[in-house]
Amino acid sequence: MNSRPEGIDLAARSRARRRALQALYAWQMSGSSMNSVIEQFRHEQDMEVADLEYFEDLLRGVERNVQAIDEALQPYIDRDVAQIDPIERAVLRLAGYELKFRPDVPYRVIINEAIEVTKRFGADHGHSYVNGVLDKLAAQARGAEKHG
């Protein structure tokens, strides 16, 4: 059985997530509009190696649903979302968007990618925190998939 959906380049999606994390971090820190952040990344980043459509969907999805994502995360975090390290906050929002609004993406892929990107860009033990929060969110948002 092939679990990869037809026509999806997983490596390009992975790169799109990494770029989206960087763009989301910039959006959180700068207060700029998401449109200007996306334009900046289109021009400055090596976007041809990433899935640009997925990159934009992630960023616009987080922007559109940030309040719902933060509310979904809140029961599983030990402080207000705004107090979480900015990299980890961006990772949690990105993965939270995918868990809640992209059921086409398996929850294990979302959590694994979030852990890897946090190891790369986040604080020393940030990936453990992200893993714990996302595991609980996945149980709530993807219960049937997680326990099926």
N, C-alpha and C. Protein backbone atom coordinates (compact mmCIF):
# COMPACT_ATOMS: atom_id res chain seq x y z
N MET A 1 0.84 -1.18 0.00
CA MET A 1 0.00 0.00 0.00
C MET A 1 0.89 1.25 0.00
N ASN A 2 0.62 2.15 -0.91
CA ASN A 2 1.36 3.40 -1.00
C ASN A 2 0.61 4.48 -0.24
N SER A 3 1.23 5.02 0.83
CA SER A 3 0.54 6.02 1.64
C SER A 3 0.79 7.44 1.13
N ARG A 4 1.64 7.60 0.11
CA ARG A 4 1.92 8.93 -0.42
C ARG A 4 0.84 9.31 -1.43
N PRO A 5 0.15 10.43 -1.20
CA PRO A 5 -0.84 10.87 -2.18
C PRO A 5 -0.18 11.15 -3.53
N GLU A 6 -0.91 10.89 -4.59
CA GLU A 6 -0.38 11.07 -5.94
C GLU A 6 0.10 12.51 -6.16
N GLY A 7 1.25 12.63 -6.77
CA GLY A 7 1.74 13.93 -7.22
C GLY A 7 2.32 14.82 -6.13
N ILE A 8 2.46 14.33 -4.93
CA ILE A 8 3.00 15.17 -3.85
C ILE A 8 4.48 14.86 -3.66
N ASP A 9 5.29 15.89 -3.77
CA ASP A 9 6.73 15.77 -3.54
C ASP A 9 6.97 16.05 -2.06
N LEU A 10 7.22 14.98 -1.31
CA LEU A 10 7.35 15.12 0.14
C LEU A 10 8.55 15.98 0.54
N ALA A 11 9.64 15.88 -0.20
CA ALA A 11 10.81 16.70 0.12
C ALA A 11 10.51 18.18 -0.11
N ALA A 12 9.78 18.49 -1.18
CA ALA A 12 9.41 19.89 -1.45
C ALA A 12 8.46 20.40 -0.37
N ARG A 13 7.58 19.54 0.12
CA ARG A 13 6.68 19.94 1.21
C ARG A 13 7.46 20.19 2.49
N SER A 14 8.44 19.36 2.75
CA SER A 14 9.28 19.53 3.93
C SER A 14 10.01 20.87 3.86
N ARG A 15 10.56 21.18 2.70
CA ARG A 15 11.24 22.48 2.52
C ARG A 15 10.24 23.62 2.66
N ALA A 16 9.02 23.43 2.15
CA ALA A 16 7.99 24.47 2.28
C ALA A 16 7.67 24.73 3.75
N ARG A 17 7.62 23.66 4.56
CA ARG A 17 7.37 23.83 6.00
C ARG A 17 8.50 24.61 6.66
N ARG A 18 9.74 24.29 6.31
CA ARG A 18 10.88 25.01 6.90
C ARG A 18 10.82 26.50 6.54
N ARG A 19 10.54 26.79 5.26
CA ARG A 19 10.43 28.19 4.82
C ARG A 19 9.24 28.87 5.50
N ALA A 20 8.13 28.12 5.63
CA ALA A 20 6.94 28.69 6.27
C ALA A 20 7.23 29.01 7.73
N LEU A 21 7.99 28.16 8.40
CA LEU A 21 8.37 28.44 9.78
C LEU A 21 9.14 29.76 9.85
N GLN A 22 10.11 29.93 8.97
CA GLN A 22 10.91 31.15 8.97
C GLN A 22 10.04 32.37 8.68
N ALA A 23 9.12 32.22 7.74
CA ALA A 23 8.23 33.33 7.39
C ALA A 23 7.26 33.63 8.54
N LEU A 24 6.75 32.59 9.18
CA LEU A 24 5.84 32.78 10.31
C LEU A 24 6.56 33.46 11.47
N TYR A 25 7.79 33.06 11.70
CA TYR A 25 8.60 33.72 12.73
C TYR A 25 8.75 35.21 12.40
N ALA A 26 9.07 35.52 11.14
CA ALA A 26 9.23 36.91 10.72
C ALA A 26 7.91 37.68 10.90
N TRP A 27 6.79 37.04 10.57
CA TRP A 27 5.47 37.66 10.71
C TRP A 27 5.18 37.97 12.18
N GLN A 28 5.45 37.01 13.05
CA GLN A 28 5.21 37.20 14.48
C GLN A 28 6.07 38.33 15.05
N MET A 29 7.32 38.39 14.62
CA MET A 29 8.27 39.33 15.21
C MET A 29 8.13 40.74 14.63
N SER A 30 7.76 40.85 13.35
CA SER A 30 7.76 42.15 12.68
C SER A 30 6.42 42.87 12.77
N GLY A 31 5.33 42.11 12.89
CA GLY A 31 4.02 42.74 12.84
C GLY A 31 3.62 43.15 11.43
N SER A 32 4.42 42.76 10.45
CA SER A 32 4.10 43.06 9.05
C SER A 32 2.89 42.24 8.61
N SER A 33 2.29 42.65 7.49
CA SER A 33 1.18 41.86 6.96
C SER A 33 1.72 40.55 6.40
N MET A 34 0.88 39.53 6.41
CA MET A 34 1.29 38.24 5.86
C MET A 34 1.63 38.37 4.38
N ASN A 35 0.88 39.21 3.65
CA ASN A 35 1.18 39.40 2.23
C ASN A 35 2.60 39.92 2.02
N SER A 36 3.01 40.88 2.83
CA SER A 36 4.36 41.42 2.64
C SER A 36 5.43 40.41 3.04
N VAL A 37 5.15 39.60 4.06
CA VAL A 37 6.11 38.56 4.45
C VAL A 37 6.23 37.52 3.33
N ILE A 38 5.11 37.11 2.77
CA ILE A 38 5.15 36.13 1.66
C ILE A 38 5.93 36.71 0.48
N GLU A 39 5.66 37.96 0.13
CA GLU A 39 6.39 38.59 -0.98
C GLU A 39 7.89 38.65 -0.70
N GLN A 40 8.24 39.01 0.53
CA GLN A 40 9.65 39.09 0.91
C GLN A 40 10.31 37.72 0.73
N PHE A 41 9.63 36.67 1.20
CA PHE A 41 10.21 35.33 1.10
C PHE A 41 10.29 34.85 -0.33
N ARG A 42 9.33 35.21 -1.14
CA ARG A 42 9.39 34.85 -2.56
C ARG A 42 10.65 35.41 -3.21
N HIS A 43 10.99 36.64 -2.83
CA HIS A 43 12.14 37.30 -3.44
C HIS A 43 13.47 36.90 -2.82
N GLU A 44 13.49 36.66 -1.51
CA GLU A 44 14.75 36.44 -0.83
C GLU A 44 15.13 34.98 -0.67
N GLN A 45 14.17 34.11 -0.61
CA GLN A 45 14.45 32.71 -0.34
C GLN A 45 14.55 31.91 -1.63
N ASP A 46 15.12 30.76 -1.51
CA ASP A 46 15.28 29.85 -2.63
C ASP A 46 13.99 29.03 -2.78
N MET A 47 12.93 29.71 -3.20
CA MET A 47 11.61 29.10 -3.16
C MET A 47 11.38 28.07 -4.27
N GLU A 48 12.19 28.09 -5.31
CA GLU A 48 11.92 27.12 -6.38
C GLU A 48 12.13 25.67 -5.95
N VAL A 49 12.83 25.46 -4.84
CA VAL A 49 13.05 24.09 -4.36
C VAL A 49 11.97 23.66 -3.36
N ALA A 50 11.06 24.58 -3.04
CA ALA A 50 9.99 24.25 -2.10
C ALA A 50 8.66 24.21 -2.85
N ASP A 51 7.66 23.68 -2.21
CA ASP A 51 6.30 23.63 -2.74
C ASP A 51 5.66 24.98 -2.40
N LEU A 52 5.71 25.91 -3.35
CA LEU A 52 5.26 27.28 -3.11
C LEU A 52 3.77 27.33 -2.76
N GLU A 53 2.97 26.52 -3.40
CA GLU A 53 1.53 26.50 -3.12
C GLU A 53 1.28 26.07 -1.66
N TYR A 54 2.02 25.06 -1.21
CA TYR A 54 1.85 24.59 0.16
C TYR A 54 2.37 25.62 1.15
N PHE A 55 3.49 26.24 0.83
CA PHE A 55 4.06 27.32 1.64
C PHE A 55 3.02 28.41 1.89
N GLU A 56 2.38 28.86 0.82
CA GLU A 56 1.38 29.92 0.95
C GLU A 56 0.15 29.44 1.71
N ASP A 57 -0.27 28.19 1.47
CA ASP A 57 -1.43 27.66 2.19
C ASP A 57 -1.16 27.63 3.69
N LEU A 58 0.03 27.19 4.08
CA LEU A 58 0.38 27.14 5.50
C LEU A 58 0.31 28.53 6.13
N LEU A 59 0.93 29.50 5.47
CA LEU A 59 0.98 30.85 6.05
C LEU A 59 -0.39 31.52 6.09
N ARG A 60 -1.13 31.42 5.00
CA ARG A 60 -2.45 32.05 4.97
C ARG A 60 -3.41 31.31 5.91
N GLY A 61 -3.23 29.99 6.03
CA GLY A 61 -4.07 29.21 6.94
C GLY A 61 -3.82 29.58 8.39
N VAL A 62 -2.55 29.76 8.76
CA VAL A 62 -2.23 30.17 10.13
C VAL A 62 -2.78 31.58 10.38
N GLU A 63 -2.55 32.48 9.43
CA GLU A 63 -3.03 33.86 9.61
C GLU A 63 -4.55 33.88 9.79
N ARG A 64 -5.26 33.15 8.97
CA ARG A 64 -6.73 33.13 8.98
C ARG A 64 -7.27 32.48 10.26
N ASN A 65 -6.55 31.50 10.79
CA ASN A 65 -7.06 30.69 11.90
C ASN A 65 -6.24 30.80 13.17
N VAL A 66 -5.42 31.84 13.30
CA VAL A 66 -4.49 31.91 14.43
C VAL A 66 -5.22 31.88 15.77
N GLN A 67 -6.36 32.52 15.88
CA GLN A 67 -7.08 32.51 17.16
C GLN A 67 -7.57 31.09 17.50
N ALA A 68 -8.14 30.40 16.52
CA ALA A 68 -8.62 29.03 16.74
C ALA A 68 -7.46 28.09 17.06
N ILE A 69 -6.33 28.28 16.40
CA ILE A 69 -5.14 27.45 16.64
C ILE A 69 -4.64 27.68 18.06
N ASP A 70 -4.50 28.95 18.44
CA ASP A 70 -4.02 29.27 19.79
C ASP A 70 -4.97 28.71 20.86
N GLU A 71 -6.27 28.82 20.62
CA GLU A 71 -7.25 28.28 21.57
C GLU A 71 -7.14 26.76 21.66
N ALA A 72 -6.87 26.09 20.54
CA ALA A 72 -6.71 24.63 20.55
C ALA A 72 -5.44 24.23 21.30
N LEU A 73 -4.39 25.03 21.21
CA LEU A 73 -3.12 24.74 21.88
C LEU A 73 -3.19 24.99 23.38
N GLN A 74 -3.97 25.99 23.79
CA GLN A 74 -3.95 26.49 25.17
C GLN A 74 -4.09 25.40 26.24
N PRO A 75 -4.99 24.42 26.11
CA PRO A 75 -5.11 23.42 27.19
C PRO A 75 -3.85 22.56 27.38
N TYR A 76 -2.96 22.56 26.39
CA TYR A 76 -1.79 21.67 26.42
C TYR A 76 -0.48 22.40 26.69
N ILE A 77 -0.56 23.70 26.94
CA ILE A 77 0.66 24.47 27.21
C ILE A 77 0.60 25.02 28.63
N ASP A 78 1.77 25.33 29.16
CA ASP A 78 1.88 25.72 30.57
C ASP A 78 1.94 27.23 30.77
N ARG A 79 1.65 27.98 29.73
CA ARG A 79 1.67 29.45 29.80
C ARG A 79 0.84 29.99 28.65
N ASP A 80 0.69 31.28 28.57
CA ASP A 80 -0.02 31.88 27.45
C ASP A 80 0.79 31.67 26.17
N VAL A 81 0.11 31.50 25.06
CA VAL A 81 0.78 31.27 23.77
C VAL A 81 1.81 32.36 23.49
N ALA A 82 1.47 33.61 23.81
CA ALA A 82 2.38 34.73 23.54
C ALA A 82 3.68 34.63 24.32
N GLN A 83 3.72 33.84 25.39
CA GLN A 83 4.93 33.71 26.21
C GLN A 83 5.84 32.57 25.76
N ILE A 84 5.40 31.79 24.80
CA ILE A 84 6.22 30.69 24.29
C ILE A 84 7.33 31.27 23.41
N ASP A 85 8.50 30.66 23.47
CA ASP A 85 9.62 31.06 22.61
C ASP A 85 9.10 31.25 21.18
N PRO A 86 9.49 32.34 20.50
CA PRO A 86 8.91 32.64 19.18
C PRO A 86 9.08 31.53 18.13
N ILE A 87 10.20 30.82 18.16
CA ILE A 87 10.39 29.71 17.20
C ILE A 87 9.40 28.59 17.52
N GLU A 88 9.34 28.21 18.79
CA GLU A 88 8.43 27.13 19.18
C GLU A 88 6.97 27.53 18.97
N ARG A 89 6.65 28.80 19.20
CA ARG A 89 5.29 29.29 18.94
C ARG A 89 4.96 29.15 17.46
N ALA A 90 5.90 29.52 16.60
CA ALA A 90 5.67 29.40 15.15
C ALA A 90 5.50 27.93 14.75
N VAL A 91 6.32 27.05 15.31
CA VAL A 91 6.20 25.62 15.01
C VAL A 91 4.85 25.09 15.47
N LEU A 92 4.44 25.44 16.69
CA LEU A 92 3.17 24.96 17.22
C LEU A 92 1.99 25.47 16.40
N ARG A 93 2.05 26.71 15.97
CA ARG A 93 0.97 27.27 15.15
C ARG A 93 0.92 26.59 13.78
N LEU A 94 2.08 26.38 13.19
CA LEU A 94 2.14 25.73 11.88
C LEU A 94 1.59 24.31 11.97
N ALA A 95 2.09 23.55 12.92
CA ALA A 95 1.63 22.17 13.09
C ALA A 95 0.17 22.13 13.54
N GLY A 96 -0.21 23.09 14.39
CA GLY A 96 -1.60 23.16 14.82
C GLY A 96 -2.54 23.39 13.65
N TYR A 97 -2.13 24.26 12.73
CA TYR A 97 -2.93 24.48 11.52
C TYR A 97 -3.08 23.18 10.74
N GLU A 98 -1.96 22.49 10.53
CA GLU A 98 -2.03 21.25 9.75
C GLU A 98 -2.89 20.19 10.46
N LEU A 99 -2.73 20.06 11.78
CA LEU A 99 -3.51 19.06 12.51
C LEU A 99 -5.01 19.35 12.44
N LYS A 100 -5.38 20.62 12.55
CA LYS A 100 -6.79 20.97 12.59
C LYS A 100 -7.42 21.15 11.20
N PHE A 101 -6.66 21.64 10.25
CA PHE A 101 -7.26 22.07 8.98
C PHE A 101 -6.74 21.35 7.74
N ARG A 102 -5.77 20.47 7.90
CA ARG A 102 -5.23 19.73 6.75
C ARG A 102 -5.30 18.22 7.03
N PRO A 103 -6.52 17.66 7.07
CA PRO A 103 -6.65 16.23 7.38
C PRO A 103 -6.01 15.33 6.32
N ASP A 104 -5.66 15.90 5.17
CA ASP A 104 -4.99 15.13 4.12
C ASP A 104 -3.54 14.80 4.49
N VAL A 105 -3.00 15.47 5.50
CA VAL A 105 -1.62 15.24 5.93
C VAL A 105 -1.65 14.38 7.19
N PRO A 106 -1.02 13.20 7.17
CA PRO A 106 -1.03 12.33 8.35
C PRO A 106 -0.43 13.03 9.57
N TYR A 107 -1.06 12.82 10.73
CA TYR A 107 -0.60 13.51 11.94
C TYR A 107 0.85 13.15 12.28
N ARG A 108 1.28 11.93 12.00
CA ARG A 108 2.67 11.53 12.30
C ARG A 108 3.67 12.36 11.50
N VAL A 109 3.33 12.63 10.25
CA VAL A 109 4.19 13.46 9.40
C VAL A 109 4.29 14.86 9.99
N ILE A 110 3.16 15.41 10.39
CA ILE A 110 3.12 16.77 10.96
C ILE A 110 3.99 16.85 12.21
N ILE A 111 3.81 15.90 13.12
CA ILE A 111 4.57 15.93 14.38
C ILE A 111 6.06 15.70 14.12
N ASN A 112 6.41 14.73 13.28
CA ASN A 112 7.82 14.47 12.98
C ASN A 112 8.50 15.69 12.36
N GLU A 113 7.81 16.33 11.41
CA GLU A 113 8.38 17.52 10.77
C GLU A 113 8.55 18.65 11.78
N ALA A 114 7.57 18.81 12.68
CA ALA A 114 7.64 19.86 13.70
C ALA A 114 8.82 19.62 14.63
N ILE A 115 9.04 18.38 15.02
CA ILE A 115 10.16 18.04 15.90
C ILE A 115 11.48 18.34 15.20
N GLU A 116 11.60 17.90 13.94
CA GLU A 116 12.85 18.11 13.20
C GLU A 116 13.16 19.59 13.02
N VAL A 117 12.17 20.38 12.66
CA VAL A 117 12.40 21.80 12.43
C VAL A 117 12.70 22.52 13.75
N THR A 118 12.13 22.05 14.85
CA THR A 118 12.44 22.65 16.15
C THR A 118 13.86 22.29 16.57
N LYS A 119 14.29 21.06 16.30
CA LYS A 119 15.68 20.68 16.60
C LYS A 119 16.64 21.58 15.83
N ARG A 120 16.27 21.91 14.60
CA ARG A 120 17.15 22.69 13.74
C ARG A 120 17.19 24.17 14.14
N PHE A 121 16.03 24.74 14.47
CA PHE A 121 15.95 26.19 14.67
C PHE A 121 15.66 26.61 16.11
N GLY A 122 15.14 25.71 16.93
CA GLY A 122 14.67 26.07 18.27
C GLY A 122 15.71 25.94 19.35
N ALA A 123 15.26 26.11 20.58
CA ALA A 123 16.11 25.98 21.76
C ALA A 123 16.50 24.51 21.95
N ASP A 124 17.50 24.27 22.82
CA ASP A 124 18.06 22.93 23.01
C ASP A 124 17.02 21.84 23.24
N HIS A 125 16.09 22.07 24.14
CA HIS A 125 15.10 21.03 24.45
C HIS A 125 13.71 21.41 23.96
N GLY A 126 13.65 22.39 23.08
CA GLY A 126 12.37 22.85 22.55
C GLY A 126 11.59 21.76 21.85
N HIS A 127 12.31 20.84 21.20
CA HIS A 127 11.61 19.78 20.46
C HIS A 127 10.82 18.87 21.39
N SER A 128 11.30 18.67 22.62
CA SER A 128 10.57 17.84 23.59
C SER A 128 9.25 18.51 23.97
N TYR A 129 9.31 19.80 24.19
CA TYR A 129 8.11 20.57 24.53
C TYR A 129 7.11 20.51 23.38
N VAL A 130 7.59 20.80 22.17
CA VAL A 130 6.74 20.78 20.97
C VAL A 130 6.12 19.40 20.79
N ASN A 131 6.91 18.35 20.96
CA ASN A 131 6.40 16.99 20.82
C ASN A 131 5.27 16.72 21.80
N GLY A 132 5.47 17.08 23.06
CA GLY A 132 4.45 16.84 24.08
C GLY A 132 3.15 17.57 23.79
N VAL A 133 3.25 18.84 23.41
CA VAL A 133 2.06 19.63 23.11
C VAL A 133 1.33 19.07 21.89
N LEU A 134 2.08 18.79 20.82
CA LEU A 134 1.45 18.33 19.59
C LEU A 134 0.87 16.93 19.72
N ASP A 135 1.49 16.09 20.53
CA ASP A 135 0.96 14.75 20.74
C ASP A 135 -0.43 14.85 21.38
N LYS A 136 -0.58 15.73 22.35
CA LYS A 136 -1.89 15.92 23.01
C LYS A 136 -2.89 16.56 22.05
N LEU A 137 -2.45 17.54 21.28
CA LEU A 137 -3.35 18.17 20.32
C LEU A 137 -3.80 17.17 19.26
N ALA A 138 -2.88 16.33 18.81
CA ALA A 138 -3.23 15.31 17.80
C ALA A 138 -4.27 14.34 18.35
N ALA A 139 -4.16 13.98 19.62
CA ALA A 139 -5.14 13.07 20.22
C ALA A 139 -6.52 13.70 20.20
N GLN A 140 -6.58 15.00 20.40
CA GLN A 140 -7.86 15.71 20.40
C GLN A 140 -8.34 15.96 18.97
N ALA A 141 -7.46 16.46 18.10
CA ALA A 141 -7.86 16.87 16.75
C ALA A 141 -7.95 15.69 15.78
N ARG A 142 -7.17 14.65 16.03
CA ARG A 142 -7.12 13.52 15.11
C ARG A 142 -7.35 12.20 15.83
N GLY A 143 -8.20 12.22 16.83
CA GLY A 143 -8.43 11.04 17.67
C GLY A 143 -8.68 9.77 16.88
N ALA A 144 -9.55 9.83 15.89
CA ALA A 144 -9.88 8.62 15.11
C ALA A 144 -8.64 8.11 14.37
N GLU A 145 -7.89 9.02 13.78
CA GLU A 145 -6.69 8.64 13.04
C GLU A 145 -5.62 8.10 13.98
N LYS A 146 -5.46 8.76 15.13
CA LYS A 146 -4.40 8.41 16.07
C LYS A 146 -4.66 7.08 16.75
N HIS A 147 -5.94 6.80 17.02
CA HIS A 147 -6.28 5.57 17.74
C HIS A 147 -6.92 4.52 16.84
N GLY A 148 -7.06 4.86 15.55
CA GLY A 148 -7.72 3.95 14.62
C GLY A 148 -6.81 2.88 14.20
